[in-house]
Amino acid sequence: MLETVEQLDLEAFYAAYRADGHGRAAYEPSMMLALLMYAYSTKVYSSRDIERHCRQDIAYRVISANRAPDHATVARFVRRHQQPLAALFGSVLRLCARAGLVRSGVVAVDGTKLTASASSDSNVDYDRIAREVIAEAIATDEAEDEQHGNARGDELPPELQTEDGRREWLERELASEQEGDEDADGSEESAREPD
């Protein structure tokens, strides 16, 4: 994926960023594109899932140069570049089809079956599939934003976020479990006495 993205015309993506040194540095657009192309080709559409994979999955870590863009950054990149991203993904799908890496026929996006043309040169079908994938990614992010707000969605509960909090919680739970074991032992003995 990295080699493929390096060969593509990414001018539409680079033009959207300032080159005057002002503002915070953005993630390299070619890295973000390779990351998204790989994620979408492996049916990972959620920006939160992409962030999680960048922390845990070796393939994502290689593509992202061991950096983990947060889900909000990934989602903003997709929204900001929706049209050129869909066009680029359509091109990548066509290249994959020509290389024999994509089967023509039925391609499923979010359970919806789309019929891809038997011709690997069919721009319409691959572009449509790419637009559907991008739309699914955006819809997934919006639904997760509604559910989790700015959070990733996999954070620890507040009482477990600090070392002291985890220790206190564990001590409480172990004591509670031990009390439960003692109660169970006592009830077993009293249940046996009438024999």
C-alpha atoms as a PDB file:
ATOM      1  CA  MET A   1       0.000   0.000   0.000  1.00  0.00           C
ATOM      2  CA  LEU A   2       2.838   2.389   0.858  1.00  0.00           C
ATOM      3  CA  GLU A   3       4.526   1.845  -2.508  1.00  0.00           C
ATOM      4  CA  THR A   4       1.258   2.318  -4.363  1.00  0.00           C
ATOM      5  CA  VAL A   5       0.410   5.589  -2.630  1.00  0.00           C
ATOM      6  CA  GLU A   6       3.937   6.907  -3.272  1.00  0.00           C
ATOM      7  CA  GLN A   7       3.311   6.572  -7.017  1.00  0.00           C
ATOM      8  CA  LEU A   8      -0.067   8.333  -7.096  1.00  0.00           C
ATOM      9  CA  ASP A   9      -0.788  12.000  -7.767  1.00  0.00           C
ATOM     10  CA  LEU A  10      -1.557  13.439  -4.340  1.00  0.00           C
ATOM     11  CA  GLU A  11      -1.543  17.126  -5.289  1.00  0.00           C
ATOM     12  CA  ALA A  12      -5.203  17.560  -4.270  1.00  0.00           C
ATOM     13  CA  PHE A  13      -4.293  16.435  -0.752  1.00  0.00           C
ATOM     14  CA  TYR A  14      -1.113  18.483  -0.341  1.00  0.00           C
ATOM     15  CA  ALA A  15      -2.752  21.644  -1.716  1.00  0.00           C
ATOM     16  CA  ALA A  16      -5.071  21.726   1.299  1.00  0.00           C
ATOM     17  CA  TYR A  17      -2.193  22.302   3.740  1.00  0.00           C
ATOM     18  CA  ARG A  18      -0.153  25.389   4.530  1.00  0.00           C
ATOM     19  CA  ALA A  19       3.489  25.346   3.585  1.00  0.00           C
ATOM     20  CA  ASP A  20       4.486  28.553   5.384  1.00  0.00           C
ATOM     21  CA  GLY A  21       5.333  26.883   8.685  1.00  0.00           C
ATOM     22  CA  HIS A  22       2.421  28.443  10.562  1.00  0.00           C
ATOM     23  CA  GLY A  23       0.118  26.261  12.582  1.00  0.00           C
ATOM     24  CA  ARG A  24       0.597  22.788  13.923  1.00  0.00           C
ATOM     25  CA  ALA A  25       2.206  20.258  11.606  1.00  0.00           C
ATOM     26  CA  ALA A  26      -0.254  17.872  10.007  1.00  0.00           C
ATOM     27  CA  TYR A  27       0.308  14.168   9.591  1.00  0.00           C
ATOM     28  CA  GLU A  28       1.920  13.410   6.255  1.00  0.00           C
ATOM     29  CA  PRO A  29      -0.984  13.097   3.772  1.00  0.00           C
ATOM     30  CA  SER A  30       0.634  10.145   1.983  1.00  0.00           C
ATOM     31  CA  MET A  31       0.806   8.248   5.286  1.00  0.00           C
ATOM     32  CA  MET A  32      -2.815   9.081   6.091  1.00  0.00           C
ATOM     33  CA  LEU A  33      -3.878   7.928   2.635  1.00  0.00           C
ATOM     34  CA  ALA A  34      -1.954   4.658   2.851  1.00  0.00           C
ATOM     35  CA  LEU A  35      -3.452   4.106   6.293  1.00  0.00           C
ATOM     36  CA  LEU A  36      -7.000   4.719   5.043  1.00  0.00           C
ATOM     37  CA  MET A  37      -6.525   2.641   1.878  1.00  0.00           C
ATOM     38  CA  TYR A  38      -5.274  -0.269   3.967  1.00  0.00           C
ATOM     39  CA  ALA A  39      -8.003   0.106   6.590  1.00  0.00           C
ATOM     40  CA  TYR A  40     -10.796   0.327   4.033  1.00  0.00           C
ATOM     41  CA  SER A  41      -9.416  -2.607   2.055  1.00  0.00           C
ATOM     42  CA  THR A  42      -9.535  -4.699   5.247  1.00  0.00           C
ATOM     43  CA  LYS A  43     -13.098  -3.532   6.065  1.00  0.00           C
ATOM     44  CA  VAL A  44     -12.087  -1.211   8.909  1.00  0.00           C
ATOM     45  CA  TYR A  45     -14.181   1.946   8.437  1.00  0.00           C
ATOM     46  CA  SER A  46     -14.326   3.411  11.939  1.00  0.00           C
ATOM     47  CA  SER A  47     -11.780   6.116  12.763  1.00  0.00           C
ATOM     48  CA  ARG A  48     -11.741   4.840  16.344  1.00  0.00           C
ATOM     49  CA  ASP A  49     -10.914   1.346  15.111  1.00  0.00           C
ATOM     50  CA  ILE A  50      -8.180   2.760  12.869  1.00  0.00           C
ATOM     51  CA  GLU A  51      -6.681   4.589  15.864  1.00  0.00           C
ATOM     52  CA  ARG A  52      -6.847   1.390  17.935  1.00  0.00           C
ATOM     53  CA  HIS A  53      -5.206  -0.651  15.148  1.00  0.00           C
ATOM     54  CA  CYS A  54      -2.396   1.941  14.917  1.00  0.00           C
ATOM     55  CA  ARG A  55      -1.584   1.153  18.540  1.00  0.00           C
ATOM     56  CA  GLN A  56      -1.976  -2.636  18.405  1.00  0.00           C
ATOM     57  CA  ASP A  57      -1.606  -4.014  14.861  1.00  0.00           C
ATOM     58  CA  ILE A  58       1.851  -4.318  13.316  1.00  0.00           C
ATOM     59  CA  ALA A  59       0.687  -3.634   9.742  1.00  0.00           C
ATOM     60  CA  TYR A  60      -0.977  -0.384  10.801  1.00  0.00           C
ATOM     61  CA  ARG A  61       2.061   0.541  12.878  1.00  0.00           C
ATOM     62  CA  VAL A  62       4.348   0.082   9.873  1.00  0.00           C
ATOM     63  CA  ILE A  63       2.093   2.185   7.642  1.00  0.00           C
ATOM     64  CA  SER A  64       1.762   4.943  10.257  1.00  0.00           C
ATOM     65  CA  ALA A  65       5.498   4.910  11.090  1.00  0.00           C
ATOM     66  CA  ASN A  66       4.596   3.812  14.618  1.00  0.00           C
ATOM     67  CA  ARG A  67       2.467   6.897  15.172  1.00  0.00           C
ATOM     68  CA  ALA A  68      -1.188   6.722  16.124  1.00  0.00           C
ATOM     69  CA  PRO A  69      -3.290   9.565  14.769  1.00  0.00           C
ATOM     70  CA  ASP A  70      -6.298   9.992  17.030  1.00  0.00           C
ATOM     71  CA  HIS A  71      -9.753   9.183  15.723  1.00  0.00           C
ATOM     72  CA  ALA A  72     -10.743  12.846  15.420  1.00  0.00           C
ATOM     73  CA  THR A  73      -7.731  13.533  13.183  1.00  0.00           C
ATOM     74  CA  VAL A  74      -8.553  10.545  10.977  1.00  0.00           C
ATOM     75  CA  ALA A  75     -12.229  11.551  10.721  1.00  0.00           C
ATOM     76  CA  ARG A  76     -11.350  15.183   9.899  1.00  0.00           C
ATOM     77  CA  PHE A  77      -8.958  14.022   7.179  1.00  0.00           C
ATOM     78  CA  VAL A  78     -11.682  11.862   5.610  1.00  0.00           C
ATOM     79  CA  ARG A  79     -14.289  14.647   5.738  1.00  0.00           C
ATOM     80  CA  ARG A  80     -11.853  17.280   4.488  1.00  0.00           C
ATOM     81  CA  HIS A  81     -10.747  15.167   1.524  1.00  0.00           C
ATOM     82  CA  GLN A  82     -13.916  13.180   0.857  1.00  0.00           C
ATOM     83  CA  GLN A  83     -14.072  13.717  -2.928  1.00  0.00           C
ATOM     84  CA  PRO A  84     -10.380  13.241  -3.795  1.00  0.00           C
ATOM     85  CA  LEU A  85     -10.210  10.337  -1.328  1.00  0.00           C
ATOM     86  CA  ALA A  86     -13.093   8.559  -3.076  1.00  0.00           C
ATOM     87  CA  ALA A  87     -11.476   9.149  -6.480  1.00  0.00           C
ATOM     88  CA  LEU A  88      -8.112   7.882  -5.236  1.00  0.00           C
ATOM     89  CA  PHE A  89      -9.663   4.810  -3.609  1.00  0.00           C
ATOM     90  CA  GLY A  90     -11.514   4.073  -6.875  1.00  0.00           C
ATOM     91  CA  SER A  91      -8.171   4.233  -8.705  1.00  0.00           C
ATOM     92  CA  VAL A  92      -6.574   1.927  -6.152  1.00  0.00           C
ATOM     93  CA  LEU A  93      -9.455  -0.551  -6.534  1.00  0.00           C
ATOM     94  CA  ARG A  94      -8.993  -0.527 -10.332  1.00  0.00           C
ATOM     95  CA  LEU A  95      -5.246  -1.079  -9.945  1.00  0.00           C
ATOM     96  CA  CYS A  96      -5.892  -3.965  -7.569  1.00  0.00           C
ATOM     97  CA  ALA A  97      -8.370  -5.472 -10.045  1.00  0.00           C
ATOM     98  CA  ARG A  98      -5.822  -5.230 -12.869  1.00  0.00           C
ATOM     99  CA  ALA A  99      -3.264  -6.933 -10.643  1.00  0.00           C
ATOM    100  CA  GLY A 100      -5.741  -9.719  -9.904  1.00  0.00           C
ATOM    101  CA  LEU A 101      -6.077  -8.738  -6.241  1.00  0.00           C
ATOM    102  CA  VAL A 102      -9.790  -7.865  -6.402  1.00  0.00           C
ATOM    103  CA  ARG A 103     -12.359 -10.321  -7.672  1.00  0.00           C
ATOM    104  CA  SER A 104     -14.862  -8.871 -10.063  1.00  0.00           C
ATOM    105  CA  GLY A 105     -18.433  -9.759  -9.290  1.00  0.00           C
ATOM    106  CA  VAL A 106     -20.138  -8.918  -6.034  1.00  0.00           C
ATOM    107  CA  VAL A 107     -18.435  -6.676  -3.514  1.00  0.00           C
ATOM    108  CA  ALA A 108     -20.091  -6.115  -0.143  1.00  0.00           C
ATOM    109  CA  VAL A 109     -19.956  -2.790   1.664  1.00  0.00           C
ATOM    110  CA  ASP A 110     -21.644  -2.766   5.080  1.00  0.00           C
ATOM    111  CA  GLY A 111     -23.703  -5.809   4.145  1.00  0.00           C
ATOM    112  CA  THR A 112     -24.978  -4.125   0.966  1.00  0.00           C
ATOM    113  CA  LYS A 113     -23.976  -6.105  -2.074  1.00  0.00           C
ATOM    114  CA  LEU A 114     -22.717  -4.037  -4.978  1.00  0.00           C
ATOM    115  CA  THR A 115     -22.168  -5.665  -8.346  1.00  0.00           C
ATOM    116  CA  ALA A 116     -18.771  -4.821  -9.734  1.00  0.00           C
ATOM    117  CA  SER A 117     -18.280  -4.995 -13.473  1.00  0.00           C
ATOM    118  CA  ALA A 118     -16.415  -7.963 -14.872  1.00  0.00           C
ATOM    119  CA  SER A 119     -14.165  -5.430 -16.606  1.00  0.00           C
ATOM    120  CA  SER A 120     -11.354  -4.308 -14.352  1.00  0.00           C
ATOM    121  CA  ASP A 121     -11.344  -1.006 -16.275  1.00  0.00           C
ATOM    122  CA  SER A 122     -14.878  -0.097 -15.272  1.00  0.00           C
ATOM    123  CA  ASN A 123     -14.502   3.333 -13.670  1.00  0.00           C
ATOM    124  CA  VAL A 124     -18.148   3.659 -12.739  1.00  0.00           C
ATOM    125  CA  ASP A 125     -18.378   0.556 -10.556  1.00  0.00           C
ATOM    126  CA  TYR A 126     -15.099   1.011  -8.690  1.00  0.00           C
ATOM    127  CA  ASP A 127     -15.721   4.709  -8.201  1.00  0.00           C
ATOM    128  CA  ARG A 128     -19.203   3.916  -6.878  1.00  0.00           C
ATOM    129  CA  ILE A 129     -17.779   1.316  -4.497  1.00  0.00           C
ATOM    130  CA  ALA A 130     -15.159   3.818  -3.319  1.00  0.00           C
ATOM    131  CA  ARG A 131     -17.837   6.472  -2.682  1.00  0.00           C
ATOM    132  CA  GLU A 132     -19.913   3.912  -0.756  1.00  0.00           C
ATOM    133  CA  VAL A 133     -16.918   2.969   1.406  1.00  0.00           C
ATOM    134  CA  ILE A 134     -16.119   6.615   2.174  1.00  0.00           C
ATOM    135  CA  ALA A 135     -19.795   7.321   2.949  1.00  0.00           C
ATOM    136  CA  GLU A 136     -19.902   4.270   5.242  1.00  0.00           C
ATOM    137  CA  ALA A 137     -16.751   5.449   7.036  1.00  0.00           C
ATOM    138  CA  ILE A 138     -18.228   8.908   7.594  1.00  0.00           C
ATOM    139  CA  ALA A 139     -21.572   7.480   8.777  1.00  0.00           C
ATOM    140  CA  THR A 140     -19.757   5.124  11.163  1.00  0.00           C
ATOM    141  CA  ASP A 141     -17.725   8.000  12.597  1.00  0.00           C
ATOM    142  CA  GLU A 142     -20.822  10.161  13.035  1.00  0.00           C
ATOM    143  CA  ALA A 143     -22.666   7.362  14.862  1.00  0.00           C
ATOM    144  CA  GLU A 144     -19.672   6.734  17.127  1.00  0.00           C
ATOM    145  CA  ASP A 145     -19.273  10.469  17.781  1.00  0.00           C
ATOM    146  CA  GLU A 146     -22.923  10.540  18.851  1.00  0.00           C
ATOM    147  CA  GLN A 147     -22.307   7.627  21.217  1.00  0.00           C
ATOM    148  CA  HIS A 148     -18.862   8.525  22.604  1.00  0.00           C
ATOM    149  CA  GLY A 149     -18.479  12.276  22.028  1.00  0.00           C
ATOM    150  CA  ASN A 150     -14.786  13.180  21.864  1.00  0.00           C
ATOM    151  CA  ALA A 151     -13.723  10.013  23.685  1.00  0.00           C
ATOM    152  CA  ARG A 152     -12.254   6.982  21.928  1.00  0.00           C
ATOM    153  CA  GLY A 153     -14.871   4.705  23.433  1.00  0.00           C
ATOM    154  CA  ASP A 154     -12.456   2.199  24.946  1.00  0.00           C
ATOM    155  CA  GLU A 155     -11.257   4.253  27.920  1.00  0.00           C
ATOM    156  CA  LEU A 156     -11.165   2.777  31.382  1.00  0.00           C
ATOM    157  CA  PRO A 157     -13.908   3.826  33.809  1.00  0.00           C
ATOM    158  CA  PRO A 158     -12.874   6.932  35.809  1.00  0.00           C
ATOM    159  CA  GLU A 159     -12.137   4.961  38.996  1.00  0.00           C
ATOM    160  CA  LEU A 160      -9.657   2.751  37.096  1.00  0.00           C
ATOM    161  CA  GLN A 161      -7.744   5.478  35.257  1.00  0.00           C
ATOM    162  CA  THR A 162      -5.098   6.033  37.946  1.00  0.00           C
ATOM    163  CA  GLU A 163      -2.791   3.571  39.648  1.00  0.00           C
ATOM    164  CA  ASP A 164      -4.223   4.466  43.076  1.00  0.00           C
ATOM    165  CA  GLY A 165      -7.764   4.117  41.778  1.00  0.00           C
ATOM    166  CA  ARG A 166      -7.032   0.692  40.288  1.00  0.00           C
ATOM    167  CA  ARG A 167      -5.373  -0.474  43.516  1.00  0.00           C
ATOM    168  CA  GLU A 168      -8.303   0.712  45.669  1.00  0.00           C
ATOM    169  CA  TRP A 169     -10.833  -0.870  43.325  1.00  0.00           C
ATOM    170  CA  LEU A 170      -8.946  -4.173  43.256  1.00  0.00           C
ATOM    171  CA  GLU A 171      -8.642  -4.259  47.062  1.00  0.00           C
ATOM    172  CA  ARG A 172     -12.387  -3.578  47.408  1.00  0.00           C
ATOM    173  CA  GLU A 173     -13.330  -6.227  44.864  1.00  0.00           C
ATOM    174  CA  LEU A 174     -10.988  -8.853  46.321  1.00  0.00           C
ATOM    175  CA  ALA A 175     -12.363  -8.175  49.822  1.00  0.00           C
ATOM    176  CA  SER A 176     -15.898  -8.439  48.498  1.00  0.00           C
ATOM    177  CA  GLU A 177     -15.071 -11.690  46.726  1.00  0.00           C
ATOM    178  CA  GLN A 178     -13.465 -13.094  49.867  1.00  0.00           C
ATOM    179  CA  GLU A 179     -16.552 -12.164  51.924  1.00  0.00           C
ATOM    180  CA  GLY A 180     -18.691 -13.903  49.329  1.00  0.00           C
ATOM    181  CA  ASP A 181     -16.531 -17.047  49.587  1.00  0.00           C
ATOM    182  CA  GLU A 182     -16.813 -17.029  53.394  1.00  0.00           C
ATOM    183  CA  ASP A 183     -20.594 -16.617  53.192  1.00  0.00           C
ATOM    184  CA  ALA A 184     -20.790 -19.501  50.728  1.00  0.00           C
ATOM    185  CA  ASP A 185     -18.646 -21.721  53.014  1.00  0.00           C
ATOM    186  CA  GLY A 186     -20.876 -20.931  56.015  1.00  0.00           C
ATOM    187  CA  SER A 187     -24.061 -21.695  54.136  1.00  0.00           C
ATOM    188  CA  GLU A 188     -22.630 -25.015  52.909  1.00  0.00           C
ATOM    189  CA  GLU A 189     -21.780 -26.049  56.487  1.00  0.00           C
ATOM    190  CA  SER A 190     -25.223 -25.076  57.793  1.00  0.00           C
ATOM    191  CA  ALA A 191     -26.806 -26.954  54.926  1.00  0.00           C
ATOM    192  CA  ARG A 192     -24.869 -30.113  55.895  1.00  0.00           C
ATOM    193  CA  GLU A 193     -25.639 -30.032  59.661  1.00  0.00           C
ATOM    194  CA  PRO A 194     -29.121 -31.618  59.523  1.00  0.00           C
ATOM    195  CA  ASP A 195     -27.700 -34.901  58.159  1.00  0.00           C
END
